[in-house]
N, C-alpha and C. Protein backbone atom coordinates (compact mmCIF):
# COMPACT_ATOMS: atom_id res chain seq x y z
N MET A 1 -10.47 -0.50 11.94
CA MET A 1 -9.98 -1.04 10.98
C MET A 1 -8.33 -1.56 11.51
N GLU A 2 -8.25 -2.99 11.12
CA GLU A 2 -7.17 -3.73 11.51
C GLU A 2 -6.23 -4.15 10.31
N PHE A 3 -5.14 -4.00 10.44
CA PHE A 3 -4.00 -4.22 9.44
C PHE A 3 -3.38 -5.48 9.79
N VAL A 4 -3.18 -6.43 9.02
CA VAL A 4 -2.74 -7.73 9.08
C VAL A 4 -1.54 -7.84 8.06
N TYR A 5 -0.38 -8.29 8.46
CA TYR A 5 0.83 -8.42 7.63
C TYR A 5 0.99 -10.10 7.60
N GLU A 6 1.02 -10.76 6.31
CA GLU A 6 1.33 -12.07 6.51
C GLU A 6 2.85 -12.36 6.71
N GLN A 7 3.06 -13.34 7.23
CA GLN A 7 4.52 -13.60 7.70
C GLN A 7 5.58 -13.43 6.59
N ALA A 8 5.46 -13.84 5.60
CA ALA A 8 6.46 -13.68 4.65
C ALA A 8 6.74 -12.18 4.38
N LEU A 9 5.55 -11.31 4.26
CA LEU A 9 5.85 -9.87 4.30
C LEU A 9 6.60 -9.30 5.44
N GLN A 10 6.10 -9.76 6.68
CA GLN A 10 6.96 -9.41 7.77
C GLN A 10 8.54 -9.51 7.81
N ASP A 11 8.83 -10.84 7.36
CA ASP A 11 10.19 -11.22 7.13
C ASP A 11 10.91 -10.28 6.19
N TYR A 12 10.20 -10.23 5.22
CA TYR A 12 10.76 -9.43 4.18
C TYR A 12 10.99 -7.76 4.51
N MET A 13 9.99 -7.16 5.22
CA MET A 13 10.19 -5.81 5.62
C MET A 13 11.32 -5.75 6.73
N ARG A 14 11.14 -6.77 7.64
CA ARG A 14 12.44 -6.68 8.51
C ARG A 14 13.72 -6.76 7.93
N ALA A 15 14.10 -7.79 6.95
CA ALA A 15 15.23 -8.04 6.28
C ALA A 15 15.60 -6.71 5.49
N LYS A 16 14.55 -6.00 4.81
CA LYS A 16 15.20 -4.94 3.81
C LYS A 16 14.87 -3.69 4.41
N GLY A 17 14.35 -3.67 5.82
CA GLY A 17 14.38 -2.23 6.33
C GLY A 17 13.25 -1.49 5.77
N LYS A 18 12.07 -2.10 5.27
CA LYS A 18 11.07 -1.35 4.60
C LYS A 18 10.01 -1.15 6.03
N ARG A 19 9.49 0.09 5.94
CA ARG A 19 8.48 0.73 7.00
C ARG A 19 7.34 1.23 6.51
N HIS A 20 7.37 1.68 5.23
CA HIS A 20 6.12 2.54 4.77
C HIS A 20 5.48 1.83 3.43
N ILE A 21 4.07 1.42 3.61
CA ILE A 21 3.32 1.00 2.58
C ILE A 21 2.30 1.99 2.28
N VAL A 22 2.43 2.34 0.93
CA VAL A 22 1.51 3.31 0.41
C VAL A 22 0.49 2.66 -0.54
N VAL A 23 -0.95 3.03 -0.43
CA VAL A 23 -2.02 2.60 -1.27
C VAL A 23 -2.36 3.74 -2.14
N GLU A 24 -2.10 3.63 -3.50
CA GLU A 24 -2.26 4.84 -4.26
C GLU A 24 -3.50 4.41 -5.38
N VAL A 25 -4.26 5.42 -5.59
CA VAL A 25 -5.26 5.43 -6.74
C VAL A 25 -4.65 5.91 -8.08
N VAL A 26 -4.40 4.92 -9.01
CA VAL A 26 -3.82 5.26 -10.32
C VAL A 26 -4.86 5.02 -11.31
N ALA A 27 -4.85 6.08 -12.41
CA ALA A 27 -5.78 5.95 -13.44
C ALA A 27 -5.12 6.16 -14.78
N SER A 28 -5.62 5.55 -15.80
CA SER A 28 -4.91 5.63 -17.01
C SER A 28 -6.04 5.97 -18.13
N ASN A 29 -6.09 6.95 -18.77
CA ASN A 29 -6.94 7.30 -19.77
C ASN A 29 -6.41 7.50 -21.21
N HIS A 30 -5.42 6.82 -21.57
CA HIS A 30 -4.69 6.92 -22.90
C HIS A 30 -5.23 6.20 -24.11
N SER A 31 -6.51 5.58 -23.67
CA SER A 31 -6.91 4.71 -24.84
C SER A 31 -8.58 4.78 -24.86
N ASP A 32 -9.18 4.08 -25.51
CA ASP A 32 -10.64 4.17 -25.58
C ASP A 32 -11.35 4.16 -24.26
N PHE A 33 -10.90 3.46 -23.34
CA PHE A 33 -11.43 3.36 -21.92
C PHE A 33 -10.59 3.84 -21.03
N GLU A 34 -11.16 4.01 -19.80
CA GLU A 34 -10.23 4.62 -18.60
C GLU A 34 -10.09 3.33 -17.68
N VAL A 35 -8.91 3.41 -17.10
CA VAL A 35 -8.68 2.09 -16.09
C VAL A 35 -8.21 2.88 -14.85
N THR A 36 -8.78 2.56 -13.67
CA THR A 36 -8.52 3.15 -12.43
C THR A 36 -8.41 1.87 -11.52
N GLU A 37 -7.51 1.84 -10.71
CA GLU A 37 -7.06 0.81 -9.92
C GLU A 37 -6.10 1.20 -8.61
N LEU A 38 -6.20 0.30 -7.81
CA LEU A 38 -5.10 0.69 -6.54
C LEU A 38 -3.85 -0.14 -6.66
N TYR A 39 -2.81 0.68 -6.33
CA TYR A 39 -1.52 0.27 -6.42
C TYR A 39 -0.87 0.40 -5.10
N THR A 40 -0.46 -0.73 -4.61
CA THR A 40 0.22 -0.90 -3.37
C THR A 40 1.69 -1.11 -3.32
N HIS A 41 2.50 -0.22 -2.80
CA HIS A 41 3.96 -0.50 -2.77
C HIS A 41 4.67 0.15 -1.62
N PHE A 42 5.88 -0.27 -1.60
CA PHE A 42 6.97 0.29 -0.52
C PHE A 42 7.24 1.66 -0.90
N VAL A 43 7.62 2.67 0.04
CA VAL A 43 8.16 3.86 -0.28
C VAL A 43 9.39 4.22 0.80
N SER A 44 10.20 4.95 0.53
CA SER A 44 11.38 5.46 1.51
C SER A 44 10.72 6.41 2.46
N GLU A 45 11.53 6.88 3.46
CA GLU A 45 11.09 7.83 4.42
C GLU A 45 10.84 9.26 3.62
N LYS A 46 11.66 9.50 2.69
CA LYS A 46 11.59 10.94 2.10
C LYS A 46 10.29 10.82 1.28
N LYS A 47 10.02 9.56 0.45
CA LYS A 47 8.78 9.63 -0.26
C LYS A 47 7.60 9.70 0.55
N ALA A 48 7.60 8.87 1.79
CA ALA A 48 6.51 8.88 2.77
C ALA A 48 6.02 10.29 3.00
N ALA A 49 7.25 11.21 3.42
CA ALA A 49 6.77 12.54 3.76
C ALA A 49 6.20 13.41 2.69
N GLU A 50 6.52 12.92 1.48
CA GLU A 50 5.74 13.74 0.37
C GLU A 50 4.34 13.12 0.33
N PHE A 51 4.20 12.15 0.55
CA PHE A 51 2.44 11.67 0.57
C PHE A 51 1.89 12.12 1.74
N LYS A 52 2.37 12.46 2.85
CA LYS A 52 1.85 12.96 3.97
C LYS A 52 1.45 14.38 3.68
N ARG A 53 2.46 15.17 2.84
CA ARG A 53 2.17 16.37 2.45
C ARG A 53 0.89 16.65 1.59
N LYS A 54 0.57 15.32 0.98
CA LYS A 54 -0.50 15.33 -0.07
C LYS A 54 -1.73 14.84 0.70
N ARG A 55 -1.74 14.75 1.93
CA ARG A 55 -2.81 14.57 2.93
C ARG A 55 -3.22 13.08 2.84
N TYR A 56 -2.27 12.14 2.70
CA TYR A 56 -2.65 10.76 2.74
C TYR A 56 -2.78 10.46 4.30
N VAL A 57 -3.58 9.71 4.68
CA VAL A 57 -4.07 9.12 5.90
C VAL A 57 -3.06 8.33 6.30
N VAL A 58 -2.38 8.69 7.65
CA VAL A 58 -1.42 7.80 8.14
C VAL A 58 -1.98 6.77 9.12
N ARG A 59 -1.78 5.54 9.04
CA ARG A 59 -2.06 4.52 9.99
C ARG A 59 -0.75 3.94 10.64
N HIS A 60 -0.63 3.79 11.79
CA HIS A 60 0.60 3.42 12.48
C HIS A 60 0.35 1.91 12.81
N THR A 61 1.25 1.04 12.36
CA THR A 61 1.24 -0.35 12.64
C THR A 61 2.55 -0.71 13.46
N PRO A 62 2.69 -1.92 14.00
CA PRO A 62 3.66 -2.45 14.58
C PRO A 62 4.99 -2.53 13.73
N LEU A 63 4.70 -2.59 12.49
CA LEU A 63 5.69 -2.70 11.44
C LEU A 63 6.26 -1.43 10.76
N GLY A 64 5.53 -0.53 11.09
CA GLY A 64 5.52 0.98 10.31
C GLY A 64 4.29 1.47 10.03
N GLU A 65 4.23 2.35 9.01
CA GLU A 65 3.15 3.07 8.69
C GLU A 65 2.52 2.58 7.24
N VAL A 66 1.19 2.69 7.30
CA VAL A 66 0.34 2.72 6.13
C VAL A 66 -0.22 3.91 5.70
N LEU A 67 0.04 4.29 4.49
CA LEU A 67 -0.58 5.63 4.10
C LEU A 67 -1.60 5.36 3.03
N LEU A 68 -2.77 5.77 3.45
CA LEU A 68 -4.00 5.73 2.52
C LEU A 68 -4.33 6.88 1.79
N PRO A 69 -4.88 6.77 0.70
CA PRO A 69 -5.24 8.09 -0.05
C PRO A 69 -6.39 8.68 0.44
N PRO A 70 -6.29 10.13 0.21
CA PRO A 70 -7.38 10.76 0.67
C PRO A 70 -8.62 10.90 -0.05
N TYR A 71 -9.11 9.81 -0.54
CA TYR A 71 -10.37 9.51 -1.51
C TYR A 71 -11.27 8.78 -0.84
N ARG A 72 -12.51 8.78 -1.17
CA ARG A 72 -13.44 7.83 -0.62
C ARG A 72 -13.29 6.39 -1.24
N LEU A 73 -12.65 5.58 -0.45
CA LEU A 73 -12.67 4.13 -0.71
C LEU A 73 -13.54 3.21 0.25
N GLU A 74 -13.62 2.12 -0.07
CA GLU A 74 -14.39 1.08 0.83
C GLU A 74 -13.28 0.28 1.53
N TYR A 75 -13.39 0.27 2.91
CA TYR A 75 -12.44 -0.58 3.74
C TYR A 75 -13.16 -1.56 4.50
N ALA A 76 -12.53 -2.77 4.44
CA ALA A 76 -12.95 -3.83 5.23
C ALA A 76 -12.68 -3.55 6.68
N ASP A 77 -13.38 -4.48 7.50
CA ASP A 77 -12.79 -4.28 8.95
C ASP A 77 -11.32 -4.89 9.19
N THR A 78 -10.75 -5.86 8.35
CA THR A 78 -9.52 -6.36 8.20
C THR A 78 -8.99 -6.20 6.99
N ILE A 79 -7.74 -5.48 6.87
CA ILE A 79 -7.11 -5.24 5.64
C ILE A 79 -5.67 -6.14 5.72
N THR A 80 -5.66 -6.89 4.86
CA THR A 80 -4.40 -7.90 4.72
C THR A 80 -3.35 -7.44 3.79
N PHE A 81 -2.14 -7.47 4.24
CA PHE A 81 -0.93 -7.27 3.15
C PHE A 81 -0.09 -8.58 3.08
N SER A 82 0.21 -8.86 1.86
CA SER A 82 0.90 -10.00 1.62
C SER A 82 2.04 -9.75 0.63
N LEU A 83 3.03 -10.50 0.56
CA LEU A 83 4.20 -10.40 -0.47
C LEU A 83 3.86 -11.10 -1.64
N ARG A 84 4.28 -10.64 -2.63
CA ARG A 84 4.01 -11.42 -3.88
C ARG A 84 5.29 -11.38 -4.84
N SER A 85 5.65 -12.13 -5.51
CA SER A 85 6.78 -12.34 -6.45
C SER A 85 6.71 -12.62 -7.78
N PHE A 86 7.07 -11.79 -8.67
CA PHE A 86 6.85 -12.22 -10.09
C PHE A 86 8.05 -11.81 -10.93
N LEU A 87 8.72 -12.95 -11.30
CA LEU A 87 10.12 -12.99 -12.02
C LEU A 87 11.22 -12.43 -11.20
N GLY A 88 10.94 -12.79 -9.76
CA GLY A 88 12.06 -12.31 -8.78
C GLY A 88 11.87 -11.01 -8.27
N VAL A 89 10.94 -10.31 -8.76
CA VAL A 89 10.55 -8.89 -8.34
C VAL A 89 9.46 -9.06 -7.15
N LYS A 90 9.92 -8.41 -6.11
CA LYS A 90 8.90 -8.36 -4.91
C LYS A 90 7.87 -7.36 -4.91
N SER A 91 6.84 -7.53 -4.40
CA SER A 91 5.87 -6.36 -4.43
C SER A 91 4.78 -6.76 -3.39
N VAL A 92 3.94 -5.71 -2.98
CA VAL A 92 2.95 -5.79 -1.92
C VAL A 92 1.52 -6.08 -2.70
N ARG A 93 0.87 -6.93 -1.88
CA ARG A 93 -0.61 -7.06 -2.34
C ARG A 93 -1.50 -6.91 -1.11
N GLN A 94 -2.61 -6.20 -1.49
CA GLN A 94 -3.39 -5.90 -0.27
C GLN A 94 -4.92 -6.55 -0.63
N GLU A 95 -5.50 -6.85 0.49
CA GLU A 95 -6.93 -7.28 0.33
C GLU A 95 -7.67 -6.61 1.33
N GLY A 96 -8.91 -5.91 0.98
CA GLY A 96 -9.72 -5.27 1.81
C GLY A 96 -10.04 -3.91 1.53
N ILE A 97 -9.30 -3.46 0.53
CA ILE A 97 -9.60 -2.15 -0.05
C ILE A 97 -10.21 -2.20 -1.30
N ARG A 98 -11.28 -1.43 -1.64
CA ARG A 98 -11.75 -1.39 -2.97
C ARG A 98 -12.05 -0.04 -3.32
N LEU A 99 -12.15 0.38 -4.55
CA LEU A 99 -12.48 1.40 -5.03
C LEU A 99 -13.90 1.88 -5.14
């Protein structure tokens, strides 16, 4: 499994001092149907330690760590992370991991 960071994300991570990306499985069942999806985001050093205690799988990359959930997911050979912006709010987008 190879992790690729797009250049805009690399620049943002270096400028903001971000080192940890977490991929979480989130579910909502507050309506007539359940929704389960992946949520990819940055976390602090302290929060990363909490995810590690929850047995998230740690993958080391040149820019930091990627924390993957301890669930059975489908992983492509190459997982790409990119930066997206909506109304000025920056977030991480991933391609290559599926439920």
